[in-house]
Amino acid sequence: MPSALPIARDRITKFTNCRILKGDQLVEQDLWVSSGSGKIVRSQEAFYENLAVPDETINLGGRIISPGLIDVQLNGAFGFNFSQIPDDPLTYAKTLRQVNKSLIETGVTSYLPTLTSESQYVYKNKALPHLGPSGTLRHASEGSESLGAHCEGPFINPTKNGIHKVDNISYAMTFKDLEAMYGAEYINPTLDPLDGSLRPPVIKKITAAPERGNMIDLISEITGRGIIYSIGHTEATYEEASAAVAAGATMITHLFNAMRPLHHRNPGVFGVLGIAESLPRPYFGIIADGIHLHPTSIKIAFNSHPDGFILVTDAMHLVGCPDGVYDWTNGERFIKNGTRLTLAGTDGKIAGSCLTLIECVSNFLNWSGASIPQALKAVTSTPAAMLGLSGVKGSLESDADADLVIINEGIAEFGEKVLTIDQVWKFGTKVFDRSE
């Protein structure tokens, strides 16, 4: 991929002749951004009250401006797995920085680096020290931004482990069990040594099976620390999933996959999308790669609760890599064939996906009949709302972070709709341009 472009600082850029994502519509409207503040500018106030004029005006020729894409389940990319532990921690940090610079060129400006079920040692001493929220002192040149770690396990059901190592799976009876597994310093808020403010936990989301151990009683302790509890890798019945939602669960990890299937007498986890209005319906992740789910299943899920629908890649580290056979852990190997990733030596057991988030959006468009704004909301404002970041991420409203993607709308060989990323802007600075 082309390298990141040189950074221009403290510049006001005006985009014109464009369609910007506003709710369920694409609106013909100019957009101003500042590389100094890293925010979207209140253009009327800047022009009429402060007499500001843009340093540059860019005519987009009718192309779409969307907020930067947000992937809330990403296991790795470009050959690097976030659960992969090198001997030298400096190597981990260096490789992670390079992944962030490559990832942003796919349109993903923010994400949750996701760890599968690992040992205490890996969580506390190797991975979590590097995967916390990137914070406020970031520069556009650093690429895609972590919004906090997603620990997918190890408190899951061993009967729904997927490719998670069964030996690492555990259960929790008290919150101290969670602290012992992840590290108290990574699951609790901490004091900033510079200004004494309270910093959010490194962990932003935990996927766990509510029926295991004493997990349902622990959900409120998890969410009380600002961490999202997501139901996943579970045998939960409808009643158990409903109890988890009542306790504070607000997300479902890759709906339909690694969970008890829908049954007409007990709809399982899927049933909470139709839960009584006395409880909030949770958000849910969908992998739109054509392998994890049938397109009709995706359409049914979307129609059941469109405001909770979030597209995720669940991509493994082989996204962006050529097809072939790759080493995994404990002598296991992955087979990559296009966007399909399977575990060698099995009957085609799915091992995560290998596609980009904008490809998920295009697939969803073609399979569902949804509009472009509806599809883009599933990777922008909806995940931002799930993360508690509405108005900061996933938005083109004034004062939101100026994370933008310029999208071209096209038609493929067989008539499918295709959205492609032409440019990416991070904090009001252009970091990728496909034409350069």
Protein backbone atom coordinates (compact mmCIF):
# COMPACT_ATOMS: atom_id res chain seq x y z
CA MET A 1 0.00 0.00 0.00
CA PRO A 2 1.14 3.62 -0.54
CA SER A 3 2.90 5.14 2.41
CA ALA A 4 1.31 7.80 4.59
CA LEU A 5 1.50 11.31 3.17
CA PRO A 6 3.51 14.18 4.67
CA ILE A 7 1.62 15.98 7.41
CA ALA A 8 0.54 19.62 7.14
CA ARG A 9 -0.32 21.16 10.50
CA ASP A 10 -2.70 23.91 11.62
CA ARG A 11 -4.57 24.04 8.34
CA ILE A 12 -8.27 24.56 7.69
CA THR A 13 -9.57 22.39 4.85
CA LYS A 14 -12.93 22.89 3.19
CA PHE A 15 -14.56 20.04 1.28
CA THR A 16 -17.13 21.06 -1.32
CA ASN A 17 -19.26 19.38 -4.01
CA CYS A 18 -19.64 16.34 -1.77
CA ARG A 19 -22.31 14.24 -0.05
CA ILE A 20 -21.79 13.91 3.67
CA LEU A 21 -23.28 11.25 5.93
CA LYS A 22 -25.91 12.77 8.22
CA GLY A 23 -28.09 10.22 9.98
CA ASP A 24 -29.98 8.19 7.40
CA GLN A 25 -29.17 10.57 4.56
CA LEU A 26 -26.36 11.71 2.31
CA VAL A 27 -26.59 15.50 2.37
CA GLU A 28 -25.06 17.88 -0.17
CA GLN A 29 -23.17 20.15 2.20
CA ASP A 30 -19.67 21.58 2.62
CA LEU A 31 -17.49 20.34 5.47
CA TRP A 32 -14.63 22.17 7.20
CA VAL A 33 -11.91 20.46 9.26
CA SER A 34 -8.92 21.69 11.24
CA SER A 35 -5.62 19.86 11.49
CA GLY A 36 -4.71 22.11 14.43
CA SER A 37 -7.59 21.12 16.70
CA GLY A 38 -8.14 17.79 14.93
CA LYS A 39 -11.85 18.58 14.95
CA ILE A 40 -14.66 19.31 12.53
CA VAL A 41 -15.04 23.08 12.37
CA ARG A 42 -18.18 25.10 13.00
CA SER A 43 -17.93 26.62 9.54
CA GLN A 44 -20.56 29.35 9.91
CA GLU A 45 -18.99 30.57 13.15
CA ALA A 46 -15.48 30.37 11.72
CA PHE A 47 -16.37 32.30 8.57
CA TYR A 48 -18.79 34.94 9.85
CA GLU A 49 -17.62 35.51 13.42
CA ASN A 50 -13.90 34.78 13.23
CA LEU A 51 -13.46 35.82 9.58
CA ALA A 52 -11.56 32.60 8.95
CA VAL A 53 -11.04 31.32 5.43
CA PRO A 54 -9.93 27.81 4.51
CA ASP A 55 -6.29 27.22 3.62
CA GLU A 56 -7.44 24.72 1.01
CA THR A 57 -10.73 23.96 -0.74
CA ILE A 58 -11.14 20.46 -2.16
CA ASN A 59 -13.78 19.71 -4.79
CA LEU A 60 -14.77 16.07 -4.32
CA GLY A 61 -16.80 15.80 -7.50
CA GLY A 62 -19.86 14.41 -5.73
CA ARG A 63 -18.06 11.71 -3.75
CA ILE A 64 -19.19 10.66 -0.26
CA ILE A 65 -17.65 11.84 3.00
CA SER A 66 -18.19 9.41 5.86
CA PRO A 67 -16.82 9.45 9.38
CA GLY A 68 -13.82 7.18 9.74
CA LEU A 69 -14.74 3.53 10.05
CA ILE A 70 -14.71 1.84 13.49
CA ASP A 71 -13.98 -1.89 13.84
CA VAL A 72 -14.89 -3.20 17.29
CA GLN A 73 -13.54 -6.70 16.69
CA LEU A 74 -10.15 -6.98 15.03
CA ASN A 75 -7.73 -9.74 16.01
CA GLY A 76 -4.83 -8.49 13.90
CA ALA A 77 -3.82 -7.49 10.38
CA PHE A 78 -0.94 -7.44 7.93
CA GLY A 79 0.75 -10.48 9.44
CA PHE A 80 0.54 -9.36 13.08
CA ASN A 81 -1.79 -11.01 15.62
CA PHE A 82 -2.47 -8.95 18.75
CA SER A 83 -2.26 -12.18 20.76
CA GLN A 84 1.12 -13.00 19.17
CA ILE A 85 3.83 -12.50 21.76
CA PRO A 86 7.44 -11.82 20.66
CA ASP A 87 10.28 -12.23 23.13
CA ASP A 88 11.11 -8.54 22.92
CA PRO A 89 8.32 -6.12 23.97
CA LEU A 90 9.89 -3.43 21.82
CA THR A 91 9.21 -5.61 18.79
CA TYR A 92 5.52 -5.83 19.74
CA ALA A 93 5.22 -2.06 20.09
CA LYS A 94 7.11 -1.37 16.85
CA THR A 95 5.04 -3.85 14.84
CA LEU A 96 1.81 -2.50 16.32
CA ARG A 97 2.70 1.01 15.17
CA GLN A 98 3.27 -0.25 11.64
CA VAL A 99 -0.04 -2.12 11.65
CA ASN A 100 -1.81 1.09 12.71
CA LYS A 101 -0.27 2.94 9.76
CA SER A 102 -1.32 0.22 7.31
CA LEU A 103 -4.76 -0.29 8.84
CA ILE A 104 -5.79 3.33 8.44
CA GLU A 105 -5.36 3.00 4.68
CA THR A 106 -8.32 0.58 4.68
CA GLY A 107 -10.53 3.35 6.11
CA VAL A 108 -10.45 2.11 9.72
CA THR A 109 -9.50 5.18 11.76
CA SER A 110 -10.38 3.65 15.17
CA TYR A 111 -10.71 0.10 16.46
CA LEU A 112 -10.70 -2.28 19.41
CA PRO A 113 -7.61 -4.55 19.25
CA THR A 114 -9.02 -7.95 20.17
CA LEU A 115 -7.36 -10.72 22.17
CA THR A 116 -8.59 -14.30 22.07
CA SER A 117 -8.56 -16.54 25.18
CA GLU A 118 -5.02 -16.35 26.50
CA SER A 119 -3.10 -17.04 29.71
CA GLN A 120 -2.73 -14.61 32.61
CA TYR A 121 0.88 -14.12 31.63
CA VAL A 122 0.02 -13.06 28.09
CA TYR A 123 -2.71 -10.63 29.18
CA LYS A 124 -0.83 -8.97 32.04
CA ASN A 125 2.77 -9.03 30.88
CA LYS A 126 2.70 -9.02 27.09
CA ALA A 127 -0.37 -7.70 25.26
CA LEU A 128 -2.54 -5.42 27.41
CA PRO A 129 0.31 -3.00 28.24
CA HIS A 130 0.30 -2.01 24.54
CA LEU A 131 -3.41 -2.03 23.64
CA GLY A 132 -5.10 0.62 25.76
CA PRO A 133 -6.88 3.73 24.45
CA SER A 134 -4.50 5.85 22.43
CA GLY A 135 -5.55 8.96 24.34
CA THR A 136 -5.51 12.63 23.42
CA LEU A 137 -1.84 13.13 22.58
CA ARG A 138 -1.96 11.32 19.25
CA HIS A 139 -0.77 12.54 15.88
CA ALA A 140 -2.35 11.73 12.54
CA SER A 141 0.92 10.18 11.37
CA GLU A 142 0.51 7.37 13.92
CA GLY A 143 -2.35 5.86 11.93
CA SER A 144 -5.41 4.07 13.24
CA GLU A 145 -6.29 4.66 16.88
CA SER A 146 -7.00 2.12 19.62
CA LEU A 147 -10.16 2.85 21.60
CA GLY A 148 -9.22 0.22 24.18
CA ALA A 149 -8.66 -3.52 24.21
CA HIS A 150 -11.35 -6.12 23.60
CA CYS A 151 -10.78 -9.30 25.63
CA GLU A 152 -12.76 -11.99 23.81
CA GLY A 153 -12.42 -14.60 26.55
CA PRO A 154 -11.17 -16.50 28.40
CA PHE A 155 -14.44 -16.58 30.40
CA ILE A 156 -16.33 -18.35 27.63
CA ASN A 157 -18.05 -21.70 27.24
CA PRO A 158 -15.62 -24.45 26.14
CA THR A 159 -18.37 -26.02 24.00
CA LYS A 160 -18.45 -22.83 21.90
CA ASN A 161 -14.73 -22.10 21.81
CA GLY A 162 -14.30 -21.75 18.04
CA ILE A 163 -10.52 -21.55 17.60
CA HIS A 164 -9.93 -20.39 21.17
CA LYS A 165 -7.57 -22.74 22.99
CA VAL A 166 -9.67 -24.84 25.40
CA ASP A 167 -6.80 -25.06 27.88
CA ASN A 168 -6.97 -21.28 28.36
CA ILE A 169 -10.72 -21.12 29.03
CA SER A 170 -11.70 -20.26 32.60
CA TYR A 171 -14.63 -19.06 34.71
CA ALA A 172 -15.00 -16.34 37.33
CA MET A 173 -16.77 -16.40 40.68
CA THR A 174 -15.67 -12.97 41.96
CA PHE A 175 -14.29 -9.79 40.42
CA LYS A 176 -10.90 -10.70 41.88
CA ASP A 177 -10.86 -13.62 39.43
CA LEU A 178 -11.11 -11.10 36.58
CA GLU A 179 -8.36 -8.96 38.11
CA ALA A 180 -6.16 -12.02 38.54
CA MET A 181 -6.63 -12.96 34.89
CA TYR A 182 -6.28 -9.57 33.19
CA GLY A 183 -4.37 -7.57 35.80
CA ALA A 184 -6.06 -5.13 38.19
CA GLU A 185 -4.25 -2.23 36.51
CA TYR A 186 -5.85 -3.08 33.16
CA ILE A 187 -9.45 -3.69 34.21
CA ASN A 188 -9.79 -0.76 36.63
CA PRO A 189 -9.58 3.00 36.04
CA THR A 190 -6.22 4.47 37.05
CA LEU A 191 -5.00 7.88 38.15
CA ASP A 192 -3.04 9.93 35.66
CA PRO A 193 0.30 10.67 37.37
CA LEU A 194 0.56 14.05 35.63
CA ASP A 195 -2.77 15.70 36.46
CA GLY A 196 -4.43 13.28 38.88
CA SER A 197 -7.40 12.67 36.58
CA LEU A 198 -9.02 9.28 36.33
CA ARG A 199 -8.07 7.41 33.17
CA PRO A 200 -10.39 4.73 31.72
CA PRO A 201 -9.34 1.09 31.91
CA VAL A 202 -7.10 -0.35 29.22
CA ILE A 203 -9.85 -2.90 28.57
CA LYS A 204 -12.86 -1.41 26.81
CA LYS A 205 -14.90 -4.54 26.14
CA ILE A 206 -15.10 -8.09 27.52
CA THR A 207 -16.82 -10.96 25.71
CA ALA A 208 -17.93 -13.67 28.14
CA ALA A 209 -20.52 -16.42 28.49
CA PRO A 210 -23.12 -15.31 31.08
CA GLU A 211 -23.97 -18.88 32.11
CA ARG A 212 -20.44 -19.69 33.29
CA GLY A 213 -19.37 -19.29 36.90
CA ASN A 214 -20.93 -16.30 38.64
CA MET A 215 -20.71 -14.09 35.56
CA ILE A 216 -24.22 -12.63 35.56
CA ASP A 217 -23.63 -11.22 39.06
CA LEU A 218 -20.30 -9.75 37.89
CA ILE A 219 -21.71 -7.86 34.90
CA SER A 220 -22.61 -4.76 36.91
CA GLU A 221 -19.10 -4.63 38.39
CA ILE A 222 -17.64 -4.80 34.87
CA THR A 223 -19.89 -2.14 33.36
CA GLY A 224 -19.53 0.05 36.45
CA ARG A 225 -15.89 0.50 35.47
CA GLY A 226 -16.82 1.77 32.01
CA ILE A 227 -16.23 -1.60 30.31
CA ILE A 228 -18.75 -2.99 27.85
CA TYR A 229 -19.98 -6.50 28.60
CA SER A 230 -20.71 -8.49 25.44
CA ILE A 231 -22.47 -11.86 25.33
CA GLY A 232 -20.55 -14.37 23.24
CA HIS A 233 -19.06 -17.86 22.82
CA THR A 234 -21.99 -19.09 24.85
CA GLU A 235 -24.61 -21.78 25.41
CA ALA A 236 -26.90 -19.22 27.06
CA THR A 237 -30.63 -19.80 26.83
CA TYR A 238 -33.01 -16.96 26.12
CA GLU A 239 -33.63 -16.64 29.86
CA GLU A 240 -29.89 -16.49 30.68
CA ALA A 241 -29.21 -13.99 27.89
CA SER A 242 -32.15 -11.85 29.07
CA ALA A 243 -30.77 -11.91 32.61
CA ALA A 244 -27.42 -10.73 31.28
CA VAL A 245 -29.09 -7.82 29.48
CA ALA A 246 -31.01 -6.94 32.64
CA ALA A 247 -27.68 -6.93 34.52
CA GLY A 248 -26.08 -4.51 32.04
CA ALA A 249 -24.90 -6.44 28.95
CA THR A 250 -25.17 -4.06 25.98
CA MET A 251 -23.50 -6.02 23.17
CA ILE A 252 -23.53 -9.43 21.47
CA THR A 253 -20.29 -10.68 19.92
CA HIS A 254 -20.64 -11.95 16.31
CA LEU A 255 -24.34 -12.80 16.49
CA PHE A 256 -25.23 -16.40 15.49
CA ASN A 257 -21.60 -17.54 15.53
CA ALA A 258 -20.28 -19.52 18.55
CA MET A 259 -23.60 -19.56 20.36
CA ARG A 260 -26.67 -21.76 20.86
CA PRO A 261 -28.65 -21.62 17.61
CA LEU A 262 -32.09 -20.07 17.30
CA HIS A 263 -34.83 -22.55 18.23
CA HIS A 264 -38.56 -21.91 17.98
CA ARG A 265 -39.11 -22.91 21.62
CA ASN A 266 -36.06 -21.09 22.97
CA PRO A 267 -34.59 -18.41 20.71
CA GLY A 268 -31.37 -18.22 22.72
CA VAL A 269 -29.21 -15.10 22.51
CA PHE A 270 -30.86 -13.97 19.26
CA GLY A 271 -34.13 -13.69 21.18
CA VAL A 272 -32.98 -10.68 23.19
CA LEU A 273 -33.18 -8.57 20.02
CA GLY A 274 -36.95 -8.88 20.46
CA ILE A 275 -36.86 -8.38 24.21
CA ALA A 276 -39.62 -6.52 26.04
CA GLU A 277 -39.36 -2.74 25.96
CA SER A 278 -38.74 -2.71 29.71
CA LEU A 279 -35.12 -3.67 28.85
CA PRO A 280 -32.87 -2.04 26.24
CA ARG A 281 -32.12 -4.20 23.24
CA PRO A 282 -28.36 -4.77 22.92
CA TYR A 283 -26.09 -3.90 20.03
CA PHE A 284 -24.76 -6.85 18.06
CA GLY A 285 -21.84 -7.59 15.75
CA ILE A 286 -22.24 -9.18 12.32
CA ILE A 287 -19.48 -10.64 10.13
CA ALA A 288 -20.57 -9.99 6.54
CA ASP A 289 -18.01 -12.10 4.70
CA GLY A 290 -20.45 -14.61 3.16
CA ILE A 291 -18.77 -17.41 5.12
CA HIS A 292 -19.68 -16.89 8.77
CA LEU A 293 -23.33 -16.13 7.97
CA HIS A 294 -25.78 -16.63 5.13
CA PRO A 295 -26.77 -13.28 3.59
CA THR A 296 -30.42 -13.89 4.53
CA SER A 297 -29.45 -14.38 8.18
CA ILE A 298 -27.74 -10.99 8.06
CA LYS A 299 -30.83 -9.39 6.54
CA ILE A 300 -33.06 -10.93 9.24
CA ALA A 301 -30.76 -9.66 11.99
CA PHE A 302 -30.67 -6.15 10.53
CA ASN A 303 -34.43 -5.95 10.15
CA SER A 304 -34.94 -7.17 13.72
CA HIS A 305 -32.97 -4.29 15.25
CA PRO A 306 -31.37 -1.89 12.74
CA ASP A 307 -30.31 0.59 15.42
CA GLY A 308 -28.15 -2.10 17.09
CA PHE A 309 -26.58 -3.49 13.92
CA ILE A 310 -22.75 -3.24 13.83
CA LEU A 311 -20.58 -4.67 11.07
CA VAL A 312 -17.28 -6.16 12.27
CA THR A 313 -14.51 -7.96 10.45
CA ASP A 314 -13.38 -10.37 13.19
CA ALA A 315 -10.29 -10.30 10.96
CA MET A 316 -7.26 -12.37 11.82
CA HIS A 317 -3.68 -11.28 11.23
CA LEU A 318 -3.73 -12.67 7.68
CA VAL A 319 -5.92 -9.89 6.30
CA GLY A 320 -3.72 -8.07 3.80
CA CYS A 321 -1.53 -11.17 3.31
CA PRO A 322 -1.34 -13.45 0.22
CA ASP A 323 -3.18 -16.78 0.11
CA GLY A 324 -1.33 -19.76 1.58
CA VAL A 325 -0.78 -21.89 4.68
CA TYR A 326 0.38 -20.09 7.83
CA ASP A 327 1.54 -21.21 11.26
CA TRP A 328 -0.83 -20.58 14.17
CA THR A 329 -0.22 -21.74 17.76
CA ASN A 330 0.67 -25.09 19.30
CA GLY A 331 1.68 -26.45 15.90
CA GLU A 332 -1.69 -25.62 14.32
CA ARG A 333 -1.91 -23.93 10.92
CA PHE A 334 -4.31 -21.65 9.07
CA ILE A 335 -5.28 -21.97 5.42
CA LYS A 336 -6.04 -18.64 3.73
CA ASN A 337 -8.03 -18.75 0.51
CA GLY A 338 -9.26 -15.29 -0.45
CA THR A 339 -11.41 -14.01 2.41
CA ARG A 340 -11.89 -17.54 3.77
CA LEU A 341 -9.71 -18.64 6.69
CA THR A 342 -9.91 -22.18 8.05
CA LEU A 343 -8.01 -24.30 10.56
CA ALA A 344 -5.85 -26.93 8.85
CA GLY A 345 -6.62 -30.56 9.70
CA THR A 346 -10.31 -29.92 10.36
CA ASP A 347 -13.40 -30.20 8.17
CA GLY A 348 -13.16 -26.54 7.25
CA LYS A 349 -13.52 -25.03 10.74
CA ILE A 350 -13.82 -21.25 10.35
CA ALA A 351 -10.89 -19.38 11.87
CA GLY A 352 -11.94 -15.75 11.65
CA SER A 353 -12.16 -13.63 8.53
CA CYS A 354 -9.74 -12.06 6.08
CA LEU A 355 -11.59 -9.08 4.67
CA THR A 356 -11.58 -5.36 5.31
CA LEU A 357 -14.39 -3.40 6.93
CA ILE A 358 -15.29 -1.50 3.74
CA GLU A 359 -15.67 -4.89 2.00
CA CYS A 360 -18.13 -5.88 4.74
CA VAL A 361 -20.08 -2.68 4.02
CA SER A 362 -20.23 -3.43 0.28
CA ASN A 363 -21.36 -7.00 0.96
CA PHE A 364 -24.09 -5.81 3.29
CA LEU A 365 -25.31 -3.31 0.71
CA ASN A 366 -25.69 -6.02 -1.92
CA TRP A 367 -27.30 -8.60 0.37
CA SER A 368 -29.72 -6.52 2.40
CA GLY A 369 -31.25 -3.83 0.23
CA ALA A 370 -30.14 -1.27 2.83
CA SER A 371 -29.19 2.23 1.72
CA ILE A 372 -25.62 3.49 1.73
CA PRO A 373 -26.28 5.66 4.82
CA GLN A 374 -27.73 2.66 6.67
CA ALA A 375 -24.69 0.54 5.77
CA LEU A 376 -22.21 3.25 6.77
CA LYS A 377 -23.97 3.85 10.11
CA ALA A 378 -23.16 0.23 10.97
CA VAL A 379 -19.44 1.07 10.94
CA THR A 380 -19.57 4.67 12.21
CA SER A 381 -22.27 6.16 14.43
CA THR A 382 -23.68 2.87 15.73
CA PRO A 383 -20.38 1.44 17.03
CA ALA A 384 -19.55 4.90 18.40
CA ALA A 385 -22.83 4.90 20.33
CA MET A 386 -22.16 1.38 21.64
CA LEU A 387 -18.76 2.58 22.89
CA GLY A 388 -20.22 5.71 24.52
CA LEU A 389 -18.44 7.97 22.03
CA SER A 390 -21.36 9.58 20.19
CA GLY A 391 -20.44 13.06 19.00
CA VAL A 392 -16.73 12.31 19.27
CA LYS A 393 -16.25 9.40 16.90
CA GLY A 394 -18.45 8.18 14.07
CA SER A 395 -19.89 11.64 13.43
CA LEU A 396 -19.52 14.57 11.05
CA GLU A 397 -21.10 17.04 13.45
CA SER A 398 -19.18 20.13 14.54
CA ASP A 399 -16.52 19.52 17.21
CA ALA A 400 -16.34 15.77 16.53
CA ASP A 401 -12.91 14.32 15.80
CA ALA A 402 -12.07 15.01 12.15
CA ASP A 403 -11.62 11.35 11.21
CA LEU A 404 -12.95 11.06 7.67
CA VAL A 405 -13.00 8.74 4.69
CA ILE A 406 -13.70 9.86 1.13
CA ILE A 407 -15.65 7.09 -0.58
CA ASN A 408 -16.21 6.35 -4.24
CA GLU A 409 -19.40 4.57 -5.21
CA GLY A 410 -19.05 2.09 -8.08
CA ILE A 411 -20.49 -0.97 -9.79
CA ALA A 412 -18.57 -4.25 -10.11
CA GLU A 413 -18.45 -6.60 -13.10
CA PHE A 414 -21.67 -8.44 -12.24
CA GLY A 415 -23.62 -5.38 -11.16
CA GLU A 416 -22.78 -5.42 -7.44
CA LYS A 417 -22.40 -2.13 -5.60
CA VAL A 418 -18.82 -1.46 -4.50
CA LEU A 419 -17.64 1.23 -2.10
CA THR A 420 -13.93 2.01 -2.21
CA ILE A 421 -11.77 4.24 -0.03
CA ASP A 422 -10.20 7.08 -2.03
CA GLN A 423 -8.82 9.15 0.85
CA VAL A 424 -8.46 8.91 4.62
CA TRP A 425 -8.13 11.89 6.97
CA LYS A 426 -7.16 11.56 10.62
CA PHE A 427 -7.59 14.48 13.00
CA GLY A 428 -8.10 16.82 10.01
CA THR A 429 -4.93 15.73 8.20
CA LYS A 430 -4.82 13.65 5.03
CA VAL A 431 -2.94 10.40 5.69
CA PHE A 432 -3.86 8.35 2.61
CA ASP A 433 -4.76 9.12 -0.99
CA ARG A 434 -5.25 6.26 -3.40
CA SER A 435 -4.39 8.47 -6.38
CA GLU A 436 -0.95 9.49 -5.08
